């Protein structure tokens, strides 16, 4: 399941974070990072998925 989340995180970072932790602080941080730059959003999403 983590592989699917990582693939979704590359395509749409907030979706991967949402599937891992739901709507919370980490989700909103990821939305902000994705809006500021796509690459920081991907890095944050993969980090959240790998560490949890």
C-alpha atoms as a PDB file:
ATOM      1  CA  UNK A   1       0.000   0.000   0.000  1.00  0.00           C
ATOM      2  CA  UNK A   2       2.903   2.372   0.672  1.00  0.00           C
ATOM      3  CA  UNK A   3       4.080   2.023  -2.929  1.00  0.00           C
ATOM      4  CA  UNK A   4       0.674   3.180  -4.160  1.00  0.00           C
ATOM      5  CA  UNK A   5       0.756   6.148  -1.764  1.00  0.00           C
ATOM      6  CA  UNK A   6       4.244   7.122  -2.934  1.00  0.00           C
ATOM      7  CA  UNK A   7       3.150   6.989  -6.579  1.00  0.00           C
ATOM      8  CA  UNK A   8       0.098   9.126  -5.769  1.00  0.00           C
ATOM      9  CA  UNK A   9       2.354  11.515  -3.854  1.00  0.00           C
ATOM     10  CA  UNK A  10       4.481  12.054  -6.927  1.00  0.00           C
ATOM     11  CA  UNK A  11       1.414  12.785  -9.036  1.00  0.00           C
ATOM     12  CA  UNK A  12      -0.559  14.782  -6.438  1.00  0.00           C
ATOM     13  CA  UNK A  13       1.307  15.274  -3.132  1.00  0.00           C
ATOM     14  CA  UNK A  14      -1.632  16.303  -0.900  1.00  0.00           C
ATOM     15  CA  UNK A  15      -3.553  13.173  -1.919  1.00  0.00           C
ATOM     16  CA  UNK A  16      -0.764  10.914  -0.678  1.00  0.00           C
ATOM     17  CA  UNK A  17      -0.581  12.767   2.629  1.00  0.00           C
ATOM     18  CA  UNK A  18      -4.363  12.659   2.993  1.00  0.00           C
ATOM     19  CA  UNK A  19      -4.398   8.896   2.497  1.00  0.00           C
ATOM     20  CA  UNK A  20      -1.676   8.497   5.141  1.00  0.00           C
ATOM     21  CA  UNK A  21      -2.747  10.920   7.901  1.00  0.00           C
ATOM     22  CA  UNK A  22      -6.121  12.362   6.937  1.00  0.00           C
ATOM     23  CA  UNK A  23      -6.962  16.052   7.139  1.00  0.00           C
ATOM     24  CA  UNK A  24      -4.734  17.526   9.789  1.00  0.00           C
ATOM     25  CA  UNK A  25      -1.745  19.779  10.200  1.00  0.00           C
ATOM     26  CA  UNK A  26       0.511  17.681   7.954  1.00  0.00           C
ATOM     27  CA  UNK A  27      -2.063  17.777   5.155  1.00  0.00           C
ATOM     28  CA  UNK A  28      -2.342  21.566   5.244  1.00  0.00           C
ATOM     29  CA  UNK A  29       1.442  21.964   5.434  1.00  0.00           C
ATOM     30  CA  UNK A  30       1.706  19.797   2.337  1.00  0.00           C
ATOM     31  CA  UNK A  31      -0.947  21.812   0.497  1.00  0.00           C
ATOM     32  CA  UNK A  32       1.006  24.988   1.273  1.00  0.00           C
ATOM     33  CA  UNK A  33       4.312  23.455   0.176  1.00  0.00           C
ATOM     34  CA  UNK A  34       2.735  22.176  -3.035  1.00  0.00           C
ATOM     35  CA  UNK A  35       1.344  25.614  -3.826  1.00  0.00           C
ATOM     36  CA  UNK A  36       4.727  27.224  -3.164  1.00  0.00           C
ATOM     37  CA  UNK A  37       6.560  24.659  -5.263  1.00  0.00           C
ATOM     38  CA  UNK A  38       5.703  21.240  -6.563  1.00  0.00           C
ATOM     39  CA  UNK A  39       9.018  19.600  -5.593  1.00  0.00           C
ATOM     40  CA  UNK A  40       8.874  20.604  -1.876  1.00  0.00           C
ATOM     41  CA  UNK A  41       5.364  19.157  -1.745  1.00  0.00           C
ATOM     42  CA  UNK A  42       6.580  15.850  -3.173  1.00  0.00           C
ATOM     43  CA  UNK A  43       9.515  15.684  -0.759  1.00  0.00           C
ATOM     44  CA  UNK A  44       7.276  16.375   2.230  1.00  0.00           C
ATOM     45  CA  UNK A  45       4.662  13.838   1.106  1.00  0.00           C
ATOM     46  CA  UNK A  46       7.200  11.062   0.589  1.00  0.00           C
ATOM     47  CA  UNK A  47       8.783  11.894   3.958  1.00  0.00           C
ATOM     48  CA  UNK A  48       5.412  11.626   5.717  1.00  0.00           C
ATOM     49  CA  UNK A  49       4.623   8.307   4.041  1.00  0.00           C
ATOM     50  CA  UNK A  50       8.024   6.739   4.713  1.00  0.00           C
ATOM     51  CA  UNK A  51       8.268   7.789   8.360  1.00  0.00           C
ATOM     52  CA  UNK A  52       4.761   6.711   9.406  1.00  0.00           C
END
